[in-house]
């Protein structure tokens, strides 16, 4: 399944679900990362530098907000709604926001 260039292995795991009882599955255990960073091209370094600069600018701007939670809470709710959809328990964002205010 992972081809010849394996980057880890599948290992058996097990546990007990309070509702469904014992279960067994497999988990992917990745190989450790190398000690040295990979060689990157100049273009890749520039992209990383631009991303770091953008994050620094965002951090600087966020520090000027009187109440950063005003932006963080809706973002966390939106992320929760998105990940719920991945799990098959979709709720429209409007209902998530209304329920959070109750």
Protein backbone atom coordinates (compact mmCIF):
# COMPACT_ATOMS: atom_id res chain seq x y z
CA UNK A 1 0.00 0.00 0.00
CA UNK A 2 2.82 2.44 0.77
CA UNK A 3 5.11 1.25 -2.02
CA UNK A 4 8.84 0.64 -1.91
CA UNK A 5 9.72 4.07 -0.50
CA UNK A 6 8.17 3.40 2.90
CA UNK A 7 8.23 6.29 5.31
CA UNK A 8 7.01 4.25 8.25
CA UNK A 9 5.02 1.17 9.10
CA UNK A 10 1.52 0.05 10.05
CA UNK A 11 1.30 -1.22 13.61
CA UNK A 12 -1.63 -2.96 15.31
CA UNK A 13 -3.54 -0.95 17.91
CA UNK A 14 -6.51 -1.85 20.09
CA UNK A 15 -8.76 -0.36 22.70
CA UNK A 16 -12.21 -0.43 24.18
CA UNK A 17 -15.06 1.86 23.24
CA UNK A 18 -17.55 2.37 26.10
CA UNK A 19 -20.47 1.81 23.72
CA UNK A 20 -19.18 -0.59 21.07
CA UNK A 21 -16.73 -2.60 23.14
CA UNK A 22 -13.24 -3.78 22.17
CA UNK A 23 -11.76 -2.80 18.83
CA UNK A 24 -8.62 -3.48 16.82
CA UNK A 25 -7.15 -1.42 14.03
CA UNK A 26 -3.84 -0.38 12.51
CA UNK A 27 -2.05 2.93 12.92
CA UNK A 28 0.67 4.45 10.75
CA UNK A 29 3.89 4.93 12.71
CA UNK A 30 6.17 7.26 10.70
CA UNK A 31 9.92 6.86 10.56
CA UNK A 32 11.81 9.48 12.60
CA UNK A 33 12.66 12.69 10.80
CA UNK A 34 16.31 13.08 9.75
CA UNK A 35 18.61 15.15 11.98
CA UNK A 36 19.47 17.55 9.15
CA UNK A 37 17.05 19.78 7.31
CA UNK A 38 16.55 18.95 3.65
CA UNK A 39 18.35 20.97 1.01
CA UNK A 40 15.94 23.57 -0.30
CA UNK A 41 16.14 25.71 -3.40
CA UNK A 42 16.46 29.47 -3.21
CA UNK A 43 12.85 29.81 -4.38
CA UNK A 44 11.66 27.61 -1.52
CA UNK A 45 13.64 29.66 1.02
CA UNK A 46 12.05 32.85 -0.34
CA UNK A 47 8.55 31.34 0.00
CA UNK A 48 9.31 30.32 3.60
CA UNK A 49 10.72 33.79 4.35
CA UNK A 50 7.61 35.44 2.88
CA UNK A 51 5.36 33.17 4.97
CA UNK A 52 7.31 34.01 8.13
CA UNK A 53 7.03 37.73 7.35
CA UNK A 54 3.27 37.39 6.83
CA UNK A 55 2.90 35.54 10.15
CA UNK A 56 4.97 38.22 11.91
CA UNK A 57 2.76 40.94 10.43
CA UNK A 58 -0.36 39.06 11.52
CA UNK A 59 1.06 38.61 15.03
CA UNK A 60 1.94 42.30 15.23
CA UNK A 61 -1.56 43.32 14.12
CA UNK A 62 -3.23 40.87 16.50
CA UNK A 63 -1.28 42.30 19.43
CA UNK A 64 -2.90 45.68 18.75
CA UNK A 65 -6.44 44.34 19.10
CA UNK A 66 -8.12 45.31 22.37
CA UNK A 67 -9.80 41.88 22.59
CA UNK A 68 -8.31 39.19 20.28
CA UNK A 69 -11.06 36.77 21.35
CA UNK A 70 -13.46 38.73 19.17
CA UNK A 71 -11.76 37.20 16.12
CA UNK A 72 -10.64 33.92 17.67
CA UNK A 73 -14.01 32.63 18.89
CA UNK A 74 -15.81 32.81 15.50
CA UNK A 75 -12.78 31.25 13.82
CA UNK A 76 -12.76 28.35 16.29
CA UNK A 77 -16.49 27.83 15.80
CA UNK A 78 -16.08 27.80 12.03
CA UNK A 79 -13.24 25.28 12.33
CA UNK A 80 -15.36 23.09 14.62
CA UNK A 81 -18.21 23.18 12.12
CA UNK A 82 -15.86 22.24 9.28
CA UNK A 83 -14.30 19.29 11.11
CA UNK A 84 -17.74 18.08 12.21
CA UNK A 85 -18.70 17.88 8.56
CA UNK A 86 -15.70 15.60 7.96
CA UNK A 87 -17.03 13.30 10.67
CA UNK A 88 -20.46 13.20 9.07
CA UNK A 89 -22.22 15.37 11.65
CA UNK A 90 -22.76 18.47 9.53
CA UNK A 91 -24.46 21.51 11.00
CA UNK A 92 -24.70 24.81 9.12
CA UNK A 93 -22.46 27.51 10.57
CA UNK A 94 -25.48 29.69 11.35
CA UNK A 95 -26.90 27.00 13.68
CA UNK A 96 -23.51 26.51 15.34
CA UNK A 97 -23.25 30.24 16.04
CA UNK A 98 -26.81 30.46 17.36
CA UNK A 99 -26.30 27.45 19.64
CA UNK A 100 -23.05 28.92 21.00
CA UNK A 101 -24.89 32.09 22.07
CA UNK A 102 -27.50 30.19 24.11
